[in-house]
Protein backbone atom coordinates (compact mmCIF):
# COMPACT_ATOMS: atom_id res chain seq x y z
CA MET A 1 -18.01 24.58 -0.32
CA LYS A 2 -17.51 24.27 3.62
CA GLY A 3 -14.39 22.60 3.56
CA VAL A 4 -12.56 25.93 1.91
CA GLU A 5 -14.14 27.52 4.75
CA VAL A 6 -12.50 25.31 7.00
CA LEU A 7 -9.31 25.46 5.83
CA LYS A 8 -9.38 28.92 6.07
CA LYS A 9 -10.06 28.45 9.45
CA ILE A 10 -7.14 26.32 10.02
CA ARG A 11 -4.97 28.89 8.19
CA SER A 12 -5.82 31.34 10.72
CA GLY A 13 -4.58 29.13 13.23
CA ASN A 14 -7.57 27.44 14.54
CA LEU A 15 -6.88 23.84 14.92
CA ASP A 16 -9.99 23.19 16.84
CA LEU A 17 -11.97 21.00 14.50
CA THR A 18 -15.10 19.19 14.63
CA LEU A 19 -15.62 15.67 13.04
CA ASP A 20 -18.09 17.02 10.94
CA GLU A 21 -15.46 19.70 9.72
CA LEU A 22 -13.03 17.37 8.74
CA LYS A 23 -15.57 15.22 6.96
CA ALA A 24 -16.30 18.62 4.85
CA GLU A 25 -15.47 18.42 1.19
CA VAL A 26 -13.04 20.79 -0.49
CA ASP A 27 -13.29 20.02 -4.28
CA GLY A 28 -15.48 18.07 -7.01
CA TYR A 29 -13.41 14.78 -6.17
CA GLY A 30 -14.88 14.24 -2.61
CA GLN A 31 -11.47 15.20 -1.01
CA THR A 32 -12.10 16.19 2.75
CA VAL A 33 -10.47 18.60 5.34
CA ALA A 34 -8.84 15.70 6.87
CA HIS A 35 -7.62 14.16 3.45
CA ILE A 36 -5.63 17.66 2.92
CA LEU A 37 -4.51 17.31 6.10
CA ALA A 38 -2.96 14.14 5.64
CA LYS A 39 -0.90 15.40 2.67
CA LYS A 40 2.87 16.81 3.13
CA VAL A 41 3.01 20.16 1.90
CA TYR A 42 6.89 19.51 1.33
CA PRO A 43 8.89 16.86 0.94
CA GLN A 44 11.14 17.78 4.09
CA GLN A 45 8.11 18.23 6.54
CA GLU A 46 8.25 15.69 9.29
CA ARG A 47 5.07 15.86 10.83
CA LEU A 48 1.48 15.51 8.74
CA ILE A 49 -1.02 18.48 10.09
CA LEU A 50 -3.54 15.98 10.57
CA PHE A 51 -1.88 14.53 13.75
CA ASP A 52 -1.79 17.87 14.97
CA VAL A 53 -5.61 18.72 14.50
CA VAL A 54 -6.68 15.29 16.23
CA ASP A 55 -5.66 13.19 18.96
CA ASP A 56 -5.36 9.51 19.03
CA LYS A 57 -9.00 8.96 20.10
CA GLN A 58 -10.30 11.06 17.23
CA LEU A 59 -8.01 9.53 14.50
CA ASP A 60 -9.86 6.16 14.90
CA SER A 61 -13.00 8.35 13.08
CA VAL A 62 -10.88 10.17 10.47
CA LEU A 63 -8.82 7.08 9.39
CA PRO A 64 -12.00 5.64 7.28
CA ILE A 65 -13.42 8.81 5.72
CA SER A 66 -13.27 8.27 1.90
CA THR A 67 -13.77 9.89 -1.05
CA PRO A 68 -16.65 8.59 -3.72
CA TYR A 69 -13.57 6.45 -5.21
CA GLY A 70 -12.59 4.83 -1.87
CA TRP A 71 -9.52 6.94 -1.33
CA SER A 72 -9.37 7.04 2.60
CA VAL A 73 -7.61 9.03 4.76
CA LEU A 74 -5.70 6.27 5.77
CA HIS A 75 -4.46 5.76 2.05
CA GLN A 76 -3.63 9.42 1.99
CA ILE A 77 -1.50 8.90 5.10
CA SER A 78 0.32 6.11 3.28
CA GLU A 79 0.66 8.10 0.05
CA SER A 80 2.44 10.77 2.26
CA GLY A 81 4.68 7.67 3.53
CA GLU A 82 3.50 7.79 7.24
CA VAL A 83 2.28 5.30 9.10
CA VAL A 84 -0.08 5.63 12.24
CA HIS A 85 0.61 4.16 15.88
CA LEU A 86 -0.85 0.42 15.06
CA THR A 87 -4.15 -0.90 17.31
CA ASP A 88 -6.23 -3.90 16.42
CA TYR A 89 -8.68 -1.43 14.96
CA ARG A 90 -6.07 -0.10 12.67
CA ARG A 91 -4.56 -3.13 11.36
CA LYS A 92 -8.07 -4.10 10.06
CA LEU A 93 -8.29 -0.78 8.21
CA TYR A 94 -4.99 -1.72 6.94
CA LEU A 95 -6.56 -4.80 5.17
CA SER A 96 -10.09 -3.68 4.47
CA LEU A 97 -9.74 -0.01 3.40
CA ARG A 98 -9.54 0.11 -0.57
CA GLU A 99 -9.87 2.52 -2.89
CA GLY A 100 -11.83 1.92 -6.29
CA GLU A 101 -9.57 2.23 -9.35
CA PHE A 102 -7.13 -0.97 -8.26
CA GLY A 103 -8.58 -2.29 -5.20
CA ASP A 104 -4.86 -0.99 -3.19
CA THR A 105 -4.95 -1.21 0.11
CA PRO A 106 -3.57 1.72 2.45
CA LEU A 107 -0.57 -1.39 2.60
CA HIS A 108 -0.13 -1.37 -1.29
CA VAL A 109 -0.03 2.56 -1.08
CA LEU A 110 2.63 2.72 1.72
CA ALA A 111 4.78 0.03 0.24
CA ARG A 112 4.84 1.90 -2.87
CA SER A 113 5.53 5.32 -1.78
CA ASN A 114 7.63 4.47 1.44
CA PRO A 115 9.06 0.54 1.00
CA GLY A 116 11.64 1.75 4.05
CA LYS A 117 9.10 2.52 6.41
CA PHE A 118 6.66 -0.47 5.30
CA LEU A 119 9.11 -3.00 6.24
CA LYS A 120 9.83 -1.04 9.83
CA THR A 121 6.34 -1.10 10.65
CA PHE A 122 5.36 -4.35 9.16
CA SER A 123 7.54 -7.36 10.08
CA PRO A 124 7.21 -10.47 7.85
CA TYR A 125 7.89 -12.67 10.91
CA LYS A 126 5.08 -11.24 12.52
CA ASP A 127 2.44 -9.81 10.02
CA ILE A 128 2.50 -12.30 6.70
CA GLN A 129 -1.03 -11.01 6.07
CA PHE A 130 0.34 -7.79 5.66
CA TYR A 131 2.24 -8.69 3.10
CA THR A 132 -0.19 -11.28 1.05
CA VAL A 133 -3.35 -9.15 0.78
CA PRO A 134 -3.81 -8.89 -2.81
CA ASN A 135 -5.62 -5.63 -4.83
CA LEU A 136 -8.16 -6.41 -7.74
CA TYR A 137 -5.28 -7.64 -9.82
CA GLY A 138 -3.81 -9.98 -7.16
CA ASP A 139 -0.91 -7.58 -6.94
CA THR A 140 0.33 -8.26 -3.24
CA PRO A 141 2.39 -5.31 -1.13
CA ALA A 142 5.19 -8.04 -1.20
CA HIS A 143 5.10 -7.73 -5.08
CA ILE A 144 5.62 -3.82 -4.73
CA LEU A 145 8.33 -4.47 -2.29
CA SER A 146 9.99 -7.02 -4.50
CA ARG A 147 9.79 -4.62 -7.71
CA LEU A 148 11.41 -1.95 -5.79
CA ASN A 149 14.30 -4.40 -4.78
CA TYR A 150 13.29 -4.00 -1.27
CA LEU A 151 12.12 -7.32 0.02
CA GLU A 152 14.56 -9.57 2.15
CA ILE A 153 13.09 -12.60 3.27
CA PRO A 154 14.58 -16.21 3.48
CA ASP A 155 13.00 -18.92 1.13
CA THR A 156 12.32 -21.15 4.10
CA ASP A 157 8.99 -22.56 4.84
CA ASP A 158 7.53 -19.90 7.04
CA PHE A 159 7.62 -17.04 4.18
CA LEU A 160 6.15 -19.40 1.67
CA ALA A 161 2.74 -17.98 1.68
CA ILE A 162 4.68 -14.20 0.80
CA LEU A 163 7.27 -16.05 -1.95
CA THR A 164 4.41 -17.70 -3.73
CA SER A 165 1.65 -15.07 -3.71
CA SER A 166 0.52 -14.64 -7.03
CA ASN A 167 -1.35 -12.02 -9.13
CA VAL A 168 -3.81 -12.78 -12.11
CA ASN A 169 -0.97 -12.60 -14.64
CA GLY A 170 1.01 -15.84 -12.57
CA GLU A 171 3.47 -13.60 -11.40
CA THR A 172 4.94 -14.68 -7.72
CA VAL A 173 6.75 -12.72 -5.59
CA ALA A 174 9.59 -15.37 -5.60
CA GLU A 175 9.68 -15.03 -9.91
CA ILE A 176 10.48 -11.03 -9.37
CA LEU A 177 13.23 -11.84 -6.58
CA PHE A 178 14.27 -14.36 -8.99
CA LEU A 179 14.67 -11.59 -12.13
CA ASN A 180 16.22 -9.49 -9.40
CA GLY A 181 19.11 -11.71 -8.70
CA LYS A 182 17.96 -14.03 -5.71
CA ARG A 183 18.68 -17.20 -6.19
CA PHE A 184 16.67 -19.93 -3.75
CA LYS A 185 17.85 -23.22 -2.02
CA ASN A 186 14.14 -24.49 -0.96
CA PRO A 187 13.05 -27.02 -3.14
CA LYS A 188 9.57 -25.70 -3.13
CA ILE A 189 10.68 -22.29 -4.49
CA LEU A 190 13.04 -24.13 -7.16
CA ASN A 191 10.06 -25.74 -8.68
CA LEU A 192 8.76 -22.08 -8.87
CA GLU A 193 11.77 -20.78 -10.55
CA LEU A 194 11.80 -23.88 -13.25
CA SER A 195 7.78 -23.13 -13.84
CA PHE A 196 8.84 -19.53 -14.67
CA LEU A 197 11.90 -20.43 -17.18
CA ASN A 198 9.47 -22.90 -18.63
CA ARG A 199 6.85 -20.12 -19.35
CA SER A 200 9.26 -17.65 -20.23
CA ILE A 201 10.81 -20.14 -23.04
CA GLY A 202 7.25 -21.05 -23.63
CA GLU A 203 6.90 -17.05 -24.74
CA ILE A 204 9.84 -16.46 -26.21
CA GLN A 205 9.30 -19.11 -28.80
CA SER A 206 5.40 -18.69 -29.35
CA TYR A 207 6.55 -14.45 -30.07
CA GLY A 208 8.98 -16.22 -32.34
CA GLU A 209 6.52 -18.21 -34.23
CA ARG A 210 4.05 -15.20 -34.70
CA ARG A 211 7.28 -12.94 -35.96
CA ALA A 212 7.81 -15.89 -38.19
CA GLN A 213 4.67 -16.20 -40.36
């Protein structure tokens, strides 16, 4: 594969690559040279090699490069726990690029791989849409952050869109936070708590009835 030859070129110290070389596939899964350069070679690696190979202008053409399964270079950067300098175009990529299995955006991947950096990069006070974008199962980055016990937001009406985000199982972000010990004062959230508790009691009763049969 051409991509293997390009990687040999890089190992020899030649980092002057064309866009076609960055798009060259290196394996049968459709990973490209750019995907490989966006991976962390070792955990303590402070900077991705990709950022040394492409300048900021060229990066815009590289980020959407995807495998046949929808795994983009921006997904790979996010899985490595890194972020790119935000522009309007890149914000749109974070929201729109989706991998094929779960429909995760790079935001879902970043929330899972580096929740601390997610929170530093995207503020719930300014970037609510980055917390509420759903994957194919309705899970949002806020669901992921809540399960990891990283999400700390007030229960004011300004954040209801985040707290009331619901996946296909009817699980809201507020419910996850409630199970993690957070208590709410906002009546609109308290209603969600009550609904959640009633549903949980119903499921327990139903399970008990099935066991008794």
